[in-house]
Amino acid sequence: MVKPITKETLFMNVMELDFPSKIELEHWLETFQDRIWTDDLMAELSKAGLVRVTVSQVWNKENHRLTRVFEYESEKAYKDCQKIIEEKVVPKVGKNYNTKYRNNRGIVLHDYRS
C-alpha cells in the first residue's frame, strides 16, 4: 500500500539482501512481508519515527538481490526502531533465510521531489 508522505525523512538505511537462489527471493517476497513485517509491527515502528519503507528487486545484476530502504525522522528514530527490529524481526529472519545483508546508513543531504 502506498501512503502519502506526511513527515520529512532525515535519516536513511539502505539494505541490500542477496539470496542464494531465485526461489528463496520469491519465497521472501511472498511470505516475509506478511509474517514478519505485520501491520502491528509497522504501526509500532511508525510511532517510533519510521517514515517509509520501500522494497525493490534489483534487475540489472546477475544475482538475486532486493533493496530495502528505511526512512526515519531522525537518527534517534532510527535507533529506537532498531531496538524494535532487533527484538521482533531479527530472531525470525535467521531461522528461515540464508541471506547476505549489507547496510548503508546516512543523513539526507538533498531530496528532489517532482
C-alpha atoms as a PDB file:
ATOM      1  CA  MET A   1       0.000   0.000   0.000  1.00  0.00           C
ATOM      2  CA  VAL A   2       1.316   3.455  -0.873  1.00  0.00           C
ATOM      3  CA  LYS A   3       0.550   6.221   1.608  1.00  0.00           C
ATOM      4  CA  PRO A   4       1.247   9.930   1.140  1.00  0.00           C
ATOM      5  CA  ILE A   5       4.398  11.156   2.854  1.00  0.00           C
ATOM      6  CA  THR A   6       3.379  13.367   5.762  1.00  0.00           C
ATOM      7  CA  LYS A   7       6.711  13.507   7.605  1.00  0.00           C
ATOM      8  CA  GLU A   8      10.150  14.562   6.437  1.00  0.00           C
ATOM      9  CA  THR A   9      12.900  11.975   6.067  1.00  0.00           C
ATOM     10  CA  LEU A  10      16.165  12.950   7.672  1.00  0.00           C
ATOM     11  CA  PHE A  11      17.926   9.624   8.231  1.00  0.00           C
ATOM     12  CA  MET A  12      18.041   6.566   5.966  1.00  0.00           C
ATOM     13  CA  ASN A  13      19.154   2.960   5.992  1.00  0.00           C
ATOM     14  CA  VAL A  14      19.587   1.226   2.636  1.00  0.00           C
ATOM     15  CA  MET A  15      19.798  -2.545   2.963  1.00  0.00           C
ATOM     16  CA  GLU A  16      20.855  -4.937   0.218  1.00  0.00           C
ATOM     17  CA  LEU A  17      19.625  -8.515   0.559  1.00  0.00           C
ATOM     18  CA  ASP A  18      21.333 -11.158  -1.570  1.00  0.00           C
ATOM     19  CA  PHE A  19      19.584 -14.515  -1.864  1.00  0.00           C
ATOM     20  CA  PRO A  20      21.303 -17.730  -2.953  1.00  0.00           C
ATOM     21  CA  SER A  21      18.518 -18.521  -5.412  1.00  0.00           C
ATOM     22  CA  LYS A  22      15.540 -17.047  -7.203  1.00  0.00           C
ATOM     23  CA  ILE A  23      13.292 -19.439  -5.259  1.00  0.00           C
ATOM     24  CA  GLU A  24      14.427 -18.036  -1.891  1.00  0.00           C
ATOM     25  CA  LEU A  25      13.974 -14.469  -3.128  1.00  0.00           C
ATOM     26  CA  GLU A  26      10.456 -15.225  -4.352  1.00  0.00           C
ATOM     27  CA  HIS A  27       9.617 -17.029  -1.110  1.00  0.00           C
ATOM     28  CA  TRP A  28      10.776 -13.991   0.867  1.00  0.00           C
ATOM     29  CA  LEU A  29       8.599 -11.707  -1.258  1.00  0.00           C
ATOM     30  CA  GLU A  30       5.552 -13.928  -0.839  1.00  0.00           C
ATOM     31  CA  THR A  31       5.831 -14.647   2.882  1.00  0.00           C
ATOM     32  CA  PHE A  32       8.254 -12.404   4.732  1.00  0.00           C
ATOM     33  CA  GLN A  33       6.191  -9.240   4.456  1.00  0.00           C
ATOM     34  CA  ASP A  34       3.003 -10.798   5.787  1.00  0.00           C
ATOM     35  CA  ARG A  35       4.521 -12.968   8.518  1.00  0.00           C
ATOM     36  CA  ILE A  36       7.163 -10.690   9.971  1.00  0.00           C
ATOM     37  CA  TRP A  37       6.532  -7.092   8.873  1.00  0.00           C
ATOM     38  CA  THR A  38       2.948  -7.149  10.134  1.00  0.00           C
ATOM     39  CA  ASP A  39       0.611  -4.170  10.281  1.00  0.00           C
ATOM     40  CA  ASP A  40       1.033  -4.103  14.077  1.00  0.00           C
ATOM     41  CA  LEU A  41       4.820  -4.043  13.800  1.00  0.00           C
ATOM     42  CA  MET A  42       4.719  -1.312  11.159  1.00  0.00           C
ATOM     43  CA  ALA A  43       2.411   0.781  13.356  1.00  0.00           C
ATOM     44  CA  GLU A  44       4.847   0.393  16.264  1.00  0.00           C
ATOM     45  CA  LEU A  45       7.772   1.415  14.064  1.00  0.00           C
ATOM     46  CA  SER A  46       5.822   4.383  12.690  1.00  0.00           C
ATOM     47  CA  LYS A  47       5.136   5.552  16.224  1.00  0.00           C
ATOM     48  CA  ALA A  48       8.887   5.293  16.934  1.00  0.00           C
ATOM     49  CA  GLY A  49       9.705   7.522  13.936  1.00  0.00           C
ATOM     50  CA  LEU A  50       9.730   5.341  10.815  1.00  0.00           C
ATOM     51  CA  VAL A  51       8.512   7.417   7.864  1.00  0.00           C
ATOM     52  CA  ARG A  52       8.651   4.992   4.934  1.00  0.00           C
ATOM     53  CA  VAL A  53       9.912   1.575   3.792  1.00  0.00           C
ATOM     54  CA  THR A  54      10.447   0.662   0.147  1.00  0.00           C
ATOM     55  CA  VAL A  55      11.370  -2.779  -1.211  1.00  0.00           C
ATOM     56  CA  SER A  56      12.663  -3.143  -4.756  1.00  0.00           C
ATOM     57  CA  GLN A  57      14.063  -6.007  -6.804  1.00  0.00           C
ATOM     58  CA  VAL A  58      17.393  -5.293  -8.454  1.00  0.00           C
ATOM     59  CA  TRP A  59      17.171  -6.237 -12.117  1.00  0.00           C
ATOM     60  CA  ASN A  60      20.482  -5.032 -13.583  1.00  0.00           C
ATOM     61  CA  LYS A  61      22.770  -7.512 -11.781  1.00  0.00           C
ATOM     62  CA  GLU A  62      23.451 -11.203 -12.281  1.00  0.00           C
ATOM     63  CA  ASN A  63      22.234 -12.149  -8.817  1.00  0.00           C
ATOM     64  CA  HIS A  64      19.097 -12.428  -6.712  1.00  0.00           C
ATOM     65  CA  ARG A  65      19.018  -9.110  -4.858  1.00  0.00           C
ATOM     66  CA  LEU A  66      16.459  -6.887  -3.203  1.00  0.00           C
ATOM     67  CA  THR A  67      16.989  -3.470  -1.708  1.00  0.00           C
ATOM     68  CA  ARG A  68      15.036  -2.299   1.292  1.00  0.00           C
ATOM     69  CA  VAL A  69      15.106   1.427   2.063  1.00  0.00           C
ATOM     70  CA  PHE A  70      14.057   2.596   5.517  1.00  0.00           C
ATOM     71  CA  GLU A  71      13.430   6.317   6.036  1.00  0.00           C
ATOM     72  CA  TYR A  72      13.341   7.817   9.531  1.00  0.00           C
ATOM     73  CA  GLU A  73      12.519  11.189  11.087  1.00  0.00           C
ATOM     74  CA  SER A  74      15.919  11.330  12.796  1.00  0.00           C
ATOM     75  CA  GLU A  75      18.899   9.302  13.934  1.00  0.00           C
ATOM     76  CA  LYS A  76      17.135   8.839  17.280  1.00  0.00           C
ATOM     77  CA  ALA A  77      14.110   7.426  15.467  1.00  0.00           C
ATOM     78  CA  TYR A  78      16.435   5.033  13.622  1.00  0.00           C
ATOM     79  CA  LYS A  79      17.957   3.860  16.917  1.00  0.00           C
ATOM     80  CA  ASP A  80      14.538   3.459  18.542  1.00  0.00           C
ATOM     81  CA  CYS A  81      13.281   1.447  15.569  1.00  0.00           C
ATOM     82  CA  GLN A  82      16.417  -0.728  15.575  1.00  0.00           C
ATOM     83  CA  LYS A  83      15.604  -1.831  19.123  1.00  0.00           C
ATOM     84  CA  ILE A  84      12.159  -2.943  17.970  1.00  0.00           C
ATOM     85  CA  ILE A  85      13.578  -4.677  14.870  1.00  0.00           C
ATOM     86  CA  GLU A  86      16.272  -6.456  16.925  1.00  0.00           C
ATOM     87  CA  GLU A  87      13.596  -7.772  19.258  1.00  0.00           C
ATOM     88  CA  LYS A  88      10.806  -8.647  16.828  1.00  0.00           C
ATOM     89  CA  VAL A  89      12.345  -9.221  13.392  1.00  0.00           C
ATOM     90  CA  VAL A  90      15.946 -10.434  13.666  1.00  0.00           C
ATOM     91  CA  PRO A  91      15.170 -13.623  15.648  1.00  0.00           C
ATOM     92  CA  LYS A  92      12.725 -14.734  12.931  1.00  0.00           C
ATOM     93  CA  VAL A  93      14.931 -13.965   9.930  1.00  0.00           C
ATOM     94  CA  GLY A  94      17.820 -16.327  10.638  1.00  0.00           C
ATOM     95  CA  LYS A  95      15.517 -19.285  11.050  1.00  0.00           C
ATOM     96  CA  ASN A  96      14.071 -19.041   7.555  1.00  0.00           C
ATOM     97  CA  TYR A  97      16.556 -17.459   5.180  1.00  0.00           C
ATOM     98  CA  ASN A  98      20.195 -17.850   4.195  1.00  0.00           C
ATOM     99  CA  THR A  99      20.541 -14.256   3.051  1.00  0.00           C
ATOM    100  CA  LYS A 100      23.534 -11.917   2.992  1.00  0.00           C
ATOM    101  CA  TYR A 101      22.798  -8.382   4.198  1.00  0.00           C
ATOM    102  CA  ARG A 102      24.622  -5.102   3.706  1.00  0.00           C
ATOM    103  CA  ASN A 103      23.517  -1.812   5.252  1.00  0.00           C
ATOM    104  CA  ASN A 104      24.397   1.764   4.400  1.00  0.00           C
ATOM    105  CA  ARG A 105      23.170   4.471   6.755  1.00  0.00           C
ATOM    106  CA  GLY A 106      23.179   8.201   6.235  1.00  0.00           C
ATOM    107  CA  ILE A 107      21.543  11.559   6.610  1.00  0.00           C
ATOM    108  CA  VAL A 108      19.606  13.150   3.769  1.00  0.00           C
ATOM    109  CA  LEU A 109      21.574  15.998   2.188  1.00  0.00           C
ATOM    110  CA  HIS A 110      19.448  16.601  -0.919  1.00  0.00           C
ATOM    111  CA  ASP A 111      15.922  15.433  -1.658  1.00  0.00           C
ATOM    112  CA  TYR A 112      14.377  16.190  -5.053  1.00  0.00           C
ATOM    113  CA  ARG A 113      10.677  15.521  -5.496  1.00  0.00           C
ATOM    114  CA  SER A 114       8.692  16.486  -8.573  1.00  0.00           C
END
